Amino acid sequence: MSRLHLVSWNVAGWRTALDEITRTTRRGPAATTKKVEEKQACVATWLERLDADVVCLQETKLTSKQVEQDARALCASADGDAWQSFWACNDGKEGQRAGLNGVATFVRNKAFGVVRASSRPLGEKELDDEGRCVLTDHGTFVLFNAYVPNGSGGKR
């Protein structure tokens, strides 16, 4: 098996992290964080600098609808053919506040291909609705990217 370089980061909000990645990665004083193409290029550069095969993000704080509607602006579609991304989001079901929690896994296509992925891997509706875990099956291993609640949640 090849080496696996995995990076995990609690971003505490993907939009804020994305703005910071763009701000610190962009080139030239005229660059602006509002341009989708610039964000895409900056995330591509950031991913290359990490030299990671898999990047796991926790606490992305997005809903599924936001990821679907703004995929390019949120770099959820990564950078073309080089990366894939898989998301689990909290859509506010069962009285939860929408947009809390959330995880995303970015996988370099040429490194460890994804055979199967699931944003509902736990098999428990209440837990899966919270958007705290995404599973990626790479054939030779399975990765769970999880954002785990703190211990003050009563029975949890």
Protein backbone atom coordinates (compact mmCIF):
# COMPACT_ATOMS: atom_id res chain seq x y z
CA MET A 1 0.00 0.00 0.00
CA SER A 2 1.17 3.53 -0.76
CA ARG A 3 1.72 6.06 1.98
CA LEU A 4 -1.35 7.98 3.11
CA HIS A 5 -1.03 11.64 4.07
CA LEU A 6 -4.21 12.65 5.88
CA VAL A 7 -4.94 16.13 7.23
CA SER A 8 -7.76 16.85 9.68
CA TRP A 9 -8.88 20.38 10.59
CA ASN A 10 -11.76 21.75 12.68
CA VAL A 11 -12.46 24.82 10.55
CA ALA A 12 -15.18 26.27 12.86
CA GLY A 13 -17.03 27.47 9.74
CA TRP A 14 -15.97 26.65 6.16
CA ARG A 15 -16.90 30.09 4.77
CA THR A 16 -14.55 31.81 7.22
CA ALA A 17 -11.79 29.26 6.62
CA LEU A 18 -12.26 29.60 2.86
CA ASP A 19 -11.90 33.39 3.09
CA GLU A 20 -8.71 32.95 5.13
CA ILE A 21 -7.30 30.37 2.69
CA THR A 22 -8.03 32.78 -0.16
CA ARG A 23 -6.55 35.78 1.68
CA THR A 24 -3.31 33.98 2.55
CA THR A 25 -2.91 32.12 -0.75
CA ARG A 26 -3.87 34.67 -3.39
CA ARG A 27 -1.36 36.48 -5.55
CA GLY A 28 -1.23 40.19 -6.24
CA PRO A 29 -2.75 43.17 -4.42
CA ALA A 30 -5.75 43.41 -6.78
CA ALA A 31 -7.02 39.97 -5.82
CA THR A 32 -10.42 39.86 -4.14
CA THR A 33 -12.01 37.08 -2.08
CA LYS A 34 -15.38 37.64 -3.81
CA LYS A 35 -14.38 36.01 -7.12
CA VAL A 36 -15.33 32.34 -7.40
CA GLU A 37 -12.48 31.58 -9.80
CA GLU A 38 -9.97 33.07 -7.39
CA LYS A 39 -11.31 31.02 -4.49
CA GLN A 40 -11.15 27.88 -6.62
CA ALA A 41 -7.54 28.63 -7.60
CA CYS A 42 -6.56 29.43 -4.01
CA VAL A 43 -8.10 26.22 -2.64
CA ALA A 44 -6.34 24.23 -5.39
CA THR A 45 -3.03 25.87 -4.40
CA TRP A 46 -3.73 25.27 -0.71
CA LEU A 47 -4.52 21.59 -1.32
CA GLU A 48 -1.32 21.18 -3.33
CA ARG A 49 0.74 22.86 -0.59
CA LEU A 50 -0.71 20.47 1.98
CA ASP A 51 0.52 17.60 -0.18
CA ALA A 52 -2.27 15.54 1.37
CA ASP A 53 -4.15 12.62 -0.10
CA VAL A 54 -7.20 13.17 2.10
CA VAL A 55 -8.32 16.35 3.88
CA CYS A 56 -11.00 16.02 6.57
CA LEU A 57 -12.82 19.15 7.71
CA GLN A 58 -15.05 19.34 10.77
CA GLU A 59 -17.60 21.93 11.87
CA THR A 60 -18.16 23.24 8.34
CA LYS A 61 -21.45 24.88 9.43
CA LEU A 62 -23.31 24.53 6.12
CA THR A 63 -26.60 23.01 5.03
CA SER A 64 -26.93 20.55 2.14
CA LYS A 65 -28.84 23.18 0.19
CA GLN A 66 -26.00 25.70 0.58
CA VAL A 67 -23.43 23.14 -0.57
CA GLU A 68 -25.54 22.15 -3.59
CA GLN A 69 -26.49 25.70 -4.64
CA ASP A 70 -23.09 27.30 -4.02
CA ALA A 71 -20.80 24.35 -4.75
CA ARG A 72 -18.35 26.36 -6.86
CA ALA A 73 -18.28 29.38 -4.54
CA LEU A 74 -17.78 27.10 -1.52
CA CYS A 75 -15.18 25.05 -3.43
CA ALA A 76 -17.31 21.99 -2.65
CA SER A 77 -16.67 20.87 -6.19
CA ALA A 78 -12.94 21.15 -5.40
CA ASP A 79 -10.82 21.88 -8.48
CA GLY A 80 -12.08 19.89 -11.41
CA ASP A 81 -10.70 16.41 -11.86
CA ALA A 82 -7.98 16.50 -9.22
CA TRP A 83 -10.17 16.21 -6.11
CA GLN A 84 -13.56 14.93 -4.99
CA SER A 85 -15.44 16.16 -1.95
CA PHE A 86 -18.03 14.44 0.23
CA TRP A 87 -20.23 16.36 2.67
CA ALA A 88 -22.51 15.65 5.62
CA CYS A 89 -24.62 18.60 6.75
CA ASN A 90 -27.15 19.47 9.43
CA ASP A 91 -30.31 20.62 7.66
CA GLY A 92 -32.22 21.50 10.83
CA LYS A 93 -34.37 18.39 11.21
CA GLU A 94 -35.89 17.28 14.52
CA GLY A 95 -35.76 20.79 15.98
CA GLN A 96 -32.02 21.25 15.46
CA ARG A 97 -30.65 24.55 14.24
CA ALA A 98 -29.74 24.22 10.56
CA GLY A 99 -26.13 24.70 9.60
CA LEU A 100 -24.52 23.55 12.83
CA ASN A 101 -21.88 20.82 12.83
CA GLY A 102 -21.07 19.46 9.37
CA VAL A 103 -18.08 17.59 7.97
CA ALA A 104 -16.42 17.35 4.58
CA THR A 105 -13.80 15.01 3.18
CA PHE A 106 -11.67 16.00 0.18
CA VAL A 107 -9.92 13.12 -1.59
CA ARG A 108 -7.17 13.43 -4.20
CA ASN A 109 -8.41 11.39 -7.16
CA LYS A 110 -5.09 9.84 -8.10
CA ALA A 111 -4.21 8.82 -4.54
CA PHE A 112 -6.85 6.66 -2.91
CA GLY A 113 -9.98 6.36 -5.04
CA VAL A 114 -13.38 6.29 -3.37
CA VAL A 115 -15.39 3.12 -3.93
CA ARG A 116 -18.37 4.33 -1.90
CA ALA A 117 -19.30 7.28 0.29
CA SER A 118 -22.13 7.99 2.73
CA SER A 119 -23.26 11.07 4.61
CA ARG A 120 -25.54 8.85 6.74
CA PRO A 121 -23.18 6.06 7.85
CA LEU A 122 -24.35 5.55 11.42
CA GLY A 123 -27.74 4.06 10.65
CA GLU A 124 -29.38 6.17 13.38
CA LYS A 125 -31.69 8.81 11.91
CA GLU A 126 -31.28 11.24 14.81
CA LEU A 127 -27.47 11.04 14.74
CA ASP A 128 -27.15 11.03 10.94
CA ASP A 129 -29.41 14.12 10.71
CA GLU A 130 -26.86 16.08 12.76
CA GLY A 131 -24.31 15.94 9.92
CA ARG A 132 -21.47 14.87 12.15
CA CYS A 133 -19.99 12.01 10.12
CA VAL A 134 -19.14 11.15 6.53
CA LEU A 135 -17.77 7.77 5.48
CA THR A 136 -15.48 7.19 2.52
CA ASP A 137 -14.61 3.63 1.51
CA HIS A 138 -11.31 3.47 -0.35
CA GLY A 139 -11.31 -0.27 -0.99
CA THR A 140 -8.29 -1.06 1.18
CA PHE A 141 -9.52 1.05 4.11
CA VAL A 142 -12.61 2.91 5.30
CA LEU A 143 -12.37 6.43 6.71
CA PHE A 144 -14.87 8.00 9.10
CA ASN A 145 -14.54 11.79 9.28
CA ALA A 146 -16.44 12.68 12.46
CA TYR A 147 -17.21 15.81 14.44
CA VAL A 148 -17.98 14.44 17.90
CA PRO A 149 -20.18 16.31 20.40
CA ASN A 150 -18.75 17.25 23.75
CA GLY A 151 -19.64 15.20 26.83
CA SER A 152 -22.13 17.71 28.26
CA GLY A 153 -25.04 16.49 26.11
CA GLY A 154 -26.78 14.36 28.72
CA LYS A 155 -27.27 10.76 27.52
CA ARG A 156 -25.02 11.30 24.52
